[in-house]
Amino acid sequence: MTERHLEHKETLSNGCSIVVRAEILRDGSLKMFIGVYRPDGVPVSEDHDPRPHLLDMEAALDWGVDIAKGIGNGQRTLGP
């Protein structure tokens, strides 16, 4: 059976965390989520409907991770 969803979670060096999900729906369409959070858990960005153009699920997940890292790595974080 083929995997119908993939998820990537990571904590970046500045303490921000990212969550990216890609899922193939029953109709064959791709549903995605890209979330970026500050170290205290406050959302920086949550995109429930990103639109990768003509990518399969694995490539779309990589695309989303790149976007999330770009947003997360651009954040200033609160010092200790």
PDB file of N, CA and C in Angstrom:
ATOM      1  N   MET A   1       0.840  -1.189   0.000  1.00  0.00           N
ATOM      2  CA  MET A   1       0.000   0.000   0.000  1.00  0.00           C
ATOM      3  C   MET A   1       0.884   1.250   0.000  1.00  0.00           C
ATOM      4  N   THR A   2       0.528   2.183  -0.815  1.00  0.00           N
ATOM      5  CA  THR A   2       1.284   3.428  -0.933  1.00  0.00           C
ATOM      6  C   THR A   2       0.946   4.358   0.225  1.00  0.00           C
ATOM      7  N   GLU A   3       1.965   5.027   0.742  1.00  0.00           N
ATOM      8  CA  GLU A   3       1.754   6.017   1.812  1.00  0.00           C
ATOM      9  C   GLU A   3       0.908   7.155   1.272  1.00  0.00           C
ATOM     10  N   ARG A   4      -0.136   7.534   2.003  1.00  0.00           N
ATOM     11  CA  ARG A   4      -1.043   8.582   1.546  1.00  0.00           C
ATOM     12  C   ARG A   4      -0.756   9.923   2.213  1.00  0.00           C
ATOM     13  N   HIS A   5       0.157   9.957   3.178  1.00  0.00           N
ATOM     14  CA  HIS A   5       0.505  11.223   3.816  1.00  0.00           C
ATOM     15  C   HIS A   5       1.947  11.183   4.315  1.00  0.00           C
ATOM     16  N   LEU A   6       2.529  12.354   4.383  1.00  0.00           N
ATOM     17  CA  LEU A   6       3.885  12.524   4.900  1.00  0.00           C
ATOM     18  C   LEU A   6       3.890  13.731   5.824  1.00  0.00           C
ATOM     19  N   GLU A   7       4.752  13.707   6.831  1.00  0.00           N
ATOM     20  CA  GLU A   7       4.854  14.840   7.757  1.00  0.00           C
ATOM     21  C   GLU A   7       6.321  15.061   8.094  1.00  0.00           C
ATOM     22  N   HIS A   8       6.685  16.327   8.200  1.00  0.00           N
ATOM     23  CA  HIS A   8       8.046  16.709   8.584  1.00  0.00           C
ATOM     24  C   HIS A   8       7.940  17.705   9.735  1.00  0.00           C
ATOM     25  N   LYS A   9       8.605  17.387  10.851  1.00  0.00           N
ATOM     26  CA  LYS A   9       8.682  18.299  12.001  1.00  0.00           C
ATOM     27  C   LYS A   9      10.157  18.515  12.296  1.00  0.00           C
ATOM     28  N   GLU A  10      10.488  19.766  12.620  1.00  0.00           N
ATOM     29  CA  GLU A  10      11.895  20.088  12.877  1.00  0.00           C
ATOM     30  C   GLU A  10      11.976  21.331  13.746  1.00  0.00           C
ATOM     31  N   THR A  11      12.973  21.353  14.629  1.00  0.00           N
ATOM     32  CA  THR A  11      13.291  22.558  15.387  1.00  0.00           C
ATOM     33  C   THR A  11      14.528  23.175  14.762  1.00  0.00           C
ATOM     34  N   LEU A  12      14.417  24.435  14.380  1.00  0.00           N
ATOM     35  CA  LEU A  12      15.512  25.134  13.713  1.00  0.00           C
ATOM     36  C   LEU A  12      16.530  25.639  14.730  1.00  0.00           C
ATOM     37  N   SER A  13      17.689  26.054  14.266  1.00  0.00           N
ATOM     38  CA  SER A  13      18.771  26.468  15.167  1.00  0.00           C
ATOM     39  C   SER A  13      18.408  27.688  16.010  1.00  0.00           C
ATOM     40  N   ASN A  14      17.457  28.508  15.546  1.00  0.00           N
ATOM     41  CA  ASN A  14      17.041  29.680  16.326  1.00  0.00           C
ATOM     42  C   ASN A  14      15.908  29.360  17.299  1.00  0.00           C
ATOM     43  N   GLY A  15      15.509  28.083  17.387  1.00  0.00           N
ATOM     44  CA  GLY A  15      14.479  27.668  18.322  1.00  0.00           C
ATOM     45  C   GLY A  15      13.084  27.599  17.731  1.00  0.00           C
ATOM     46  N   CYS A  16      12.886  28.167  16.544  1.00  0.00           N
ATOM     47  CA  CYS A  16      11.586  28.068  15.882  1.00  0.00           C
ATOM     48  C   CYS A  16      11.361  26.619  15.453  1.00  0.00           C
ATOM     49  N   SER A  17      10.095  26.221  15.413  1.00  0.00           N
ATOM     50  CA  SER A  17       9.785  24.876  14.935  1.00  0.00           C
ATOM     51  C   SER A  17       8.916  24.966  13.692  1.00  0.00           C
ATOM     52  N   ILE A  18       9.032  23.940  12.855  1.00  0.00           N
ATOM     53  CA  ILE A  18       8.239  23.886  11.634  1.00  0.00           C
ATOM     54  C   ILE A  18       7.497  22.551  11.577  1.00  0.00           C
ATOM     55  N   VAL A  19       6.319  22.585  10.972  1.00  0.00           N
ATOM     56  CA  VAL A  19       5.517  21.390  10.716  1.00  0.00           C
ATOM     57  C   VAL A  19       5.022  21.501   9.283  1.00  0.00           C
ATOM     58  N   VAL A  20       5.287  20.480   8.488  1.00  0.00           N
ATOM     59  CA  VAL A  20       4.816  20.454   7.105  1.00  0.00           C
ATOM     60  C   VAL A  20       4.139  19.106   6.878  1.00  0.00           C
ATOM     61  N   ARG A  21       2.918  19.134   6.342  1.00  0.00           N
ATOM     62  CA  ARG A  21       2.187  17.908   6.035  1.00  0.00           C
ATOM     63  C   ARG A  21       1.756  17.918   4.570  1.00  0.00           C
ATOM     64  N   ALA A  22       1.839  16.756   3.947  1.00  0.00           N
ATOM     65  CA  ALA A  22       1.324  16.567   2.590  1.00  0.00           C
ATOM     66  C   ALA A  22       0.494  15.293   2.612  1.00  0.00           C
ATOM     67  N   GLU A  23      -0.681  15.345   1.993  1.00  0.00           N
ATOM     68  CA  GLU A  23      -1.592  14.205   2.010  1.00  0.00           C
ATOM     69  C   GLU A  23      -2.285  14.087   0.660  1.00  0.00           C
ATOM     70  N   ILE A  24      -2.368  12.882   0.166  1.00  0.00           N
ATOM     71  CA  ILE A  24      -3.132  12.619  -1.050  1.00  0.00           C
ATOM     72  C   ILE A  24      -4.566  12.282  -0.632  1.00  0.00           C
ATOM     73  N   LEU A  25      -5.522  13.053  -1.136  1.00  0.00           N
ATOM     74  CA  LEU A  25      -6.925  12.825  -0.820  1.00  0.00           C
ATOM     75  C   LEU A  25      -7.504  11.740  -1.727  1.00  0.00           C
ATOM     76  N   ARG A  26      -8.690  11.270  -1.392  1.00  0.00           N
ATOM     77  CA  ARG A  26      -9.335  10.198  -2.161  1.00  0.00           C
ATOM     78  C   ARG A  26      -9.505  10.546  -3.630  1.00  0.00           C
ATOM     79  N   ASP A  27      -9.715  11.822  -3.921  1.00  0.00           N
ATOM     80  CA  ASP A  27      -9.909  12.224  -5.319  1.00  0.00           C
ATOM     81  C   ASP A  27      -8.580  12.400  -6.066  1.00  0.00           C
ATOM     82  N   GLY A  28      -7.468  12.122  -5.387  1.00  0.00           N
ATOM     83  CA  GLY A  28      -6.155  12.224  -6.003  1.00  0.00           C
ATOM     84  C   GLY A  28      -5.499  13.581  -5.859  1.00  0.00           C
ATOM     85  N   SER A  29      -6.206  14.544  -5.284  1.00  0.00           N
ATOM     86  CA  SER A  29      -5.632  15.878  -5.109  1.00  0.00           C
ATOM     87  C   SER A  29      -4.693  15.898  -3.900  1.00  0.00           C
ATOM     88  N   LEU A  30      -3.867  16.911  -3.841  1.00  0.00           N
ATOM     89  CA  LEU A  30      -2.873  17.055  -2.782  1.00  0.00           C
ATOM     90  C   LEU A  30      -3.321  18.120  -1.799  1.00  0.00           C
ATOM     91  N   LYS A  31      -3.369  17.761  -0.528  1.00  0.00           N
ATOM     92  CA  LYS A  31      -3.681  18.716   0.544  1.00  0.00           C
ATOM     93  C   LYS A  31      -2.396  18.926   1.331  1.00  0.00           C
ATOM     94  N   MET A  32      -2.108  20.207   1.639  1.00  0.00           N
ATOM     95  CA  MET A  32      -0.884  20.506   2.376  1.00  0.00           C
ATOM     96  C   MET A  32      -1.143  21.467   3.531  1.00  0.00           C
ATOM     97  N   PHE A  33      -0.206  21.463   4.474  1.00  0.00           N
ATOM     98  CA  PHE A  33      -0.185  22.411   5.584  1.00  0.00           C
ATOM     99  C   PHE A  33       1.268  22.772   5.840  1.00  0.00           C
ATOM    100  N   ILE A  34       1.529  24.071   6.042  1.00  0.00           N
ATOM    101  CA  ILE A  34       2.858  24.553   6.415  1.00  0.00           C
ATOM    102  C   ILE A  34       2.691  25.436   7.648  1.00  0.00           C
ATOM    103  N   GLY A  35       3.324  25.045   8.755  1.00  0.00           N
ATOM    104  CA  GLY A  35       3.254  25.814   9.986  1.00  0.00           C
ATOM    105  C   GLY A  35       4.640  26.167  10.495  1.00  0.00           C
ATOM    106  N   VAL A  36       4.783  27.403  10.965  1.00  0.00           N
ATOM    107  CA  VAL A  36       6.041  27.881  11.551  1.00  0.00           C
ATOM    108  C   VAL A  36       5.691  28.513  12.894  1.00  0.00           C
ATOM    109  N   TYR A  37       6.430  28.130  13.935  1.00  0.00           N
ATOM    110  CA  TYR A  37       6.111  28.560  15.302  1.00  0.00           C
ATOM    111  C   TYR A  37       7.348  29.085  16.015  1.00  0.00           C
ATOM    112  N   ARG A  38       7.138  30.128  16.813  1.00  0.00           N
ATOM    113  CA  ARG A  38       8.221  30.660  17.638  1.00  0.00           C
ATOM    114  C   ARG A  38       8.576  29.633  18.708  1.00  0.00           C
ATOM    115  N   PRO A  39       9.700  29.812  19.399  1.00  0.00           N
ATOM    116  CA  PRO A  39      10.082  28.864  20.450  1.00  0.00           C
ATOM    117  C   PRO A  39       9.033  28.716  21.552  1.00  0.00           C
ATOM    118  N   ASP A  40       8.236  29.767  21.780  1.00  0.00           N
ATOM    119  CA  ASP A  40       7.196  29.687  22.809  1.00  0.00           C
ATOM    120  C   ASP A  40       5.889  29.090  22.278  1.00  0.00           C
ATOM    121  N   GLY A  41       5.902  28.636  21.011  1.00  0.00           N
ATOM    122  CA  GLY A  41       4.731  27.984  20.438  1.00  0.00           C
ATOM    123  C   GLY A  41       3.762  28.890  19.707  1.00  0.00           C
ATOM    124  N   VAL A  42       3.985  30.191  19.763  1.00  0.00           N
ATOM    125  CA  VAL A  42       3.103  31.133  19.079  1.00  0.00           C
ATOM    126  C   VAL A  42       3.299  31.005  17.565  1.00  0.00           C
ATOM    127  N   PRO A  43       2.203  30.873  16.808  1.00  0.00           N
ATOM    128  CA  PRO A  43       2.345  30.737  15.357  1.00  0.00           C
ATOM    129  C   PRO A  43       2.930  31.988  14.710  1.00  0.00           C
ATOM    130  N   VAL A  44       3.886  31.779  13.839  1.00  0.00           N
ATOM    131  CA  VAL A  44       4.423  32.845  13.001  1.00  0.00           C
ATOM    132  C   VAL A  44       3.650  32.839  11.688  1.00  0.00           C
ATOM    133  N   SER A  45       3.406  31.625  11.181  1.00  0.00           N
ATOM    134  CA  SER A  45       2.695  31.453   9.919  1.00  0.00           C
ATOM    135  C   SER A  45       2.039  30.078   9.912  1.00  0.00           C
ATOM    136  N   GLU A  46       0.787  30.021   9.499  1.00  0.00           N
ATOM    137  CA  GLU A  46       0.090  28.751   9.286  1.00  0.00           C
ATOM    138  C   GLU A  46      -0.650  28.856   7.962  1.00  0.00           C
ATOM    139  N   ASP A  47      -0.201  28.095   6.994  1.00  0.00           N
ATOM    140  CA  ASP A  47      -0.821  28.091   5.670  1.00  0.00           C
ATOM    141  C   ASP A  47      -1.518  26.742   5.485  1.00  0.00           C
ATOM    142  N   HIS A  48      -2.847  26.770   5.497  1.00  0.00           N
ATOM    143  CA  HIS A  48      -3.635  25.549   5.376  1.00  0.00           C
ATOM    144  C   HIS A  48      -3.917  25.178   3.925  1.00  0.00           C
ATOM    145  N   ASP A  49      -3.496  25.997   2.987  1.00  0.00           N
ATOM    146  CA  ASP A  49      -3.812  25.731   1.591  1.00  0.00           C
ATOM    147  C   ASP A  49      -2.710  26.186   0.635  1.00  0.00           C
ATOM    148  N   PRO A  50      -1.442  25.768   0.904  1.00  0.00           N
ATOM    149  CA  PRO A  50      -0.394  26.132  -0.052  1.00  0.00           C
ATOM    150  C   PRO A  50      -0.612  25.377  -1.362  1.00  0.00           C
ATOM    151  N   ARG A  51      -0.153  25.930  -2.460  1.00  0.00           N
ATOM    152  CA  ARG A  51      -0.400  25.351  -3.777  1.00  0.00           C
ATOM    153  C   ARG A  51       0.897  25.090  -4.547  1.00  0.00           C
ATOM    154  N   PRO A  52       1.547  23.960  -4.271  1.00  0.00           N
ATOM    155  CA  PRO A  52       2.702  23.621  -5.096  1.00  0.00           C
ATOM    156  C   PRO A  52       2.214  23.267  -6.496  1.00  0.00           C
ATOM    157  N   HIS A  53       2.910  23.698  -7.498  1.00  0.00           N
ATOM    158  CA  HIS A  53       2.457  23.504  -8.876  1.00  0.00           C
ATOM    159  C   HIS A  53       3.036  22.221  -9.471  1.00  0.00           C
ATOM    160  N   LEU A  54       2.172  21.272  -9.768  1.00  0.00           N
ATOM    161  CA  LEU A  54       2.528  20.035 -10.471  1.00  0.00           C
ATOM    162  C   LEU A  54       3.629  19.222  -9.794  1.00  0.00           C
ATOM    163  N   LEU A  55       3.577  19.118  -8.478  1.00  0.00           N
ATOM    164  CA  LEU A  55       4.558  18.315  -7.752  1.00  0.00           C
ATOM    165  C   LEU A  55       3.885  17.079  -7.163  1.00  0.00           C
ATOM    166  N   ASP A  56       4.634  15.976  -7.082  1.00  0.00           N
ATOM    167  CA  ASP A  56       4.094  14.810  -6.386  1.00  0.00           C
ATOM    168  C   ASP A  56       4.223  15.050  -4.882  1.00  0.00           C
ATOM    169  N   MET A  57       3.699  14.117  -4.080  1.00  0.00           N
ATOM    170  CA  MET A  57       3.634  14.326  -2.638  1.00  0.00           C
ATOM    171  C   MET A  57       5.020  14.543  -2.023  1.00  0.00           C
ATOM    172  N   GLU A  58       6.005  13.751  -2.404  1.00  0.00           N
ATOM    173  CA  GLU A  58       7.343  13.881  -1.819  1.00  0.00           C
ATOM    174  C   GLU A  58       7.991  15.207  -2.200  1.00  0.00           C
ATOM    175  N   ALA A  59       7.873  15.583  -3.463  1.00  0.00           N
ATOM    176  CA  ALA A  59       8.448  16.858  -3.905  1.00  0.00           C
ATOM    177  C   ALA A  59       7.711  18.032  -3.262  1.00  0.00           C
ATOM    178  N   ALA A  60       6.396  17.904  -3.097  1.00  0.00           N
ATOM    179  CA  ALA A  60       5.616  18.961  -2.449  1.00  0.00           C
ATOM    180  C   ALA A  60       6.034  19.116  -0.992  1.00  0.00           C
ATOM    181  N   LEU A  61       6.295  17.997  -0.309  1.00  0.00           N
ATOM    182  CA  LEU A  61       6.748  18.070   1.076  1.00  0.00           C
ATOM    183  C   LEU A  61       8.091  18.796   1.142  1.00  0.00           C
ATOM    184  N   ASP A  62       9.022  18.454   0.265  1.00  0.00           N
ATOM    185  CA  ASP A  62      10.324  19.140   0.228  1.00  0.00           C
ATOM    186  C   ASP A  62      10.150  20.630  -0.042  1.00  0.00           C
ATOM    187  N   TRP A  63       9.266  20.970  -0.978  1.00  0.00           N
ATOM    188  CA  TRP A  63       8.952  22.367  -1.312  1.00  0.00           C
ATOM    189  C   TRP A  63       8.444  23.095  -0.067  1.00  0.00           C
ATOM    190  N   GLY A  64       7.518  22.461   0.662  1.00  0.00           N
ATOM    191  CA  GLY A  64       6.963  23.064   1.871  1.00  0.00           C
ATOM    192  C   GLY A  64       7.994  23.241   2.969  1.00  0.00           C
ATOM    193  N   VAL A  65       8.879  22.265   3.120  1.00  0.00           N
ATOM    194  CA  VAL A  65       9.946  22.364   4.127  1.00  0.00           C
ATOM    195  C   VAL A  65      10.864  23.542   3.801  1.00  0.00           C
ATOM    196  N   ASP A  66      11.203  23.712   2.535  1.00  0.00           N
ATOM    197  CA  ASP A  66      12.040  24.850   2.138  1.00  0.00           C
ATOM    198  C   ASP A  66      11.363  26.181   2.474  1.00  0.00           C
ATOM    199  N   ILE A  67      10.072  26.281   2.198  1.00  0.00           N
ATOM    200  CA  ILE A  67       9.334  27.512   2.511  1.00  0.00           C
ATOM    201  C   ILE A  67       9.317  27.740   4.021  1.00  0.00           C
ATOM    202  N   ALA A  68       8.985  26.698   4.787  1.00  0.00           N
ATOM    203  CA  ALA A  68       8.913  26.828   6.245  1.00  0.00           C
ATOM    204  C   ALA A  68      10.266  27.232   6.835  1.00  0.00           C
ATOM    205  N   LYS A  69      11.340  26.612   6.351  1.00  0.00           N
ATOM    206  CA  LYS A  69      12.673  26.963   6.856  1.00  0.00           C
ATOM    207  C   LYS A  69      13.017  28.410   6.521  1.00  0.00           C
ATOM    208  N   GLY A  70      12.643  28.857   5.340  1.00  0.00           N
ATOM    209  CA  GLY A  70      12.903  30.247   4.962  1.00  0.00           C
ATOM    210  C   GLY A  70      12.203  31.221   5.895  1.00  0.00           C
ATOM    211  N   ILE A  71      10.953  30.925   6.232  1.00  0.00           N
ATOM    212  CA  ILE A  71      10.205  31.789   7.151  1.00  0.00           C
ATOM    213  C   ILE A  71      10.782  31.689   8.555  1.00  0.00           C
ATOM    214  N   GLY A  72      10.985  30.456   9.024  1.00  0.00           N
ATOM    215  CA  GLY A  72      11.470  30.239  10.392  1.00  0.00           C
ATOM    216  C   GLY A  72      12.858  30.793  10.631  1.00  0.00           C
ATOM    217  N   ASN A  73      13.756  30.593   9.691  1.00  0.00           N
ATOM    218  CA  ASN A  73      15.121  31.086   9.861  1.00  0.00           C
ATOM    219  C   ASN A  73      15.194  32.616   9.787  1.00  0.00           C
ATOM    220  N   GLY A  74      14.174  33.255   9.260  1.00  0.00           N
ATOM    221  CA  GLY A  74      14.136  34.715   9.186  1.00  0.00           C
ATOM    222  C   GLY A  74      13.577  35.370  10.432  1.00  0.00           C
ATOM    223  N   GLN A  75      13.213  34.570  11.428  1.00  0.00           N
ATOM    224  CA  GLN A  75      12.599  35.103  12.648  1.00  0.00           C
ATOM    225  C   GLN A  75      13.652  35.450  13.696  1.00  0.00           C
ATOM    226  N   ARG A  76      13.414  36.555  14.346  1.00  0.00           N
ATOM    227  CA  ARG A  76      14.204  36.858  15.538  1.00  0.00           C
ATOM    228  C   ARG A  76      13.549  36.098  16.676  1.00  0.00           C
ATOM    229  N   THR A  77      14.330  35.537  17.531  1.00  0.00           N
ATOM    230  CA  THR A  77      13.764  34.816  18.657  1.00  0.00           C
ATOM    231  C   THR A  77      14.104  35.531  19.953  1.00  0.00           C
ATOM    232  N   LEU A  78      13.309  35.253  20.959  1.00  0.00           N
ATOM    233  CA  LEU A  78      13.517  35.875  22.255  1.00  0.00           C
ATOM    234  C   LEU A  78      14.726  35.228  22.927  1.00  0.00           C
ATOM    235  N   GLY A  79      15.553  36.034  23.524  1.00  0.00           N
ATOM    236  CA  GLY A  79      16.730  35.516  24.206  1.00  0.00           C
ATOM    237  C   GLY A  79      16.338  34.777  25.474  1.00  0.00           C
ATOM    238  N   PRO A  80      17.255  33.973  26.012  1.00  0.00           N
ATOM    239  CA  PRO A  80      16.972  33.194  27.244  1.00  0.00           C
ATOM    240  C   PRO A  80      16.782  34.076  28.447  1.00  0.00           C
TER     241      PRO A  80
END
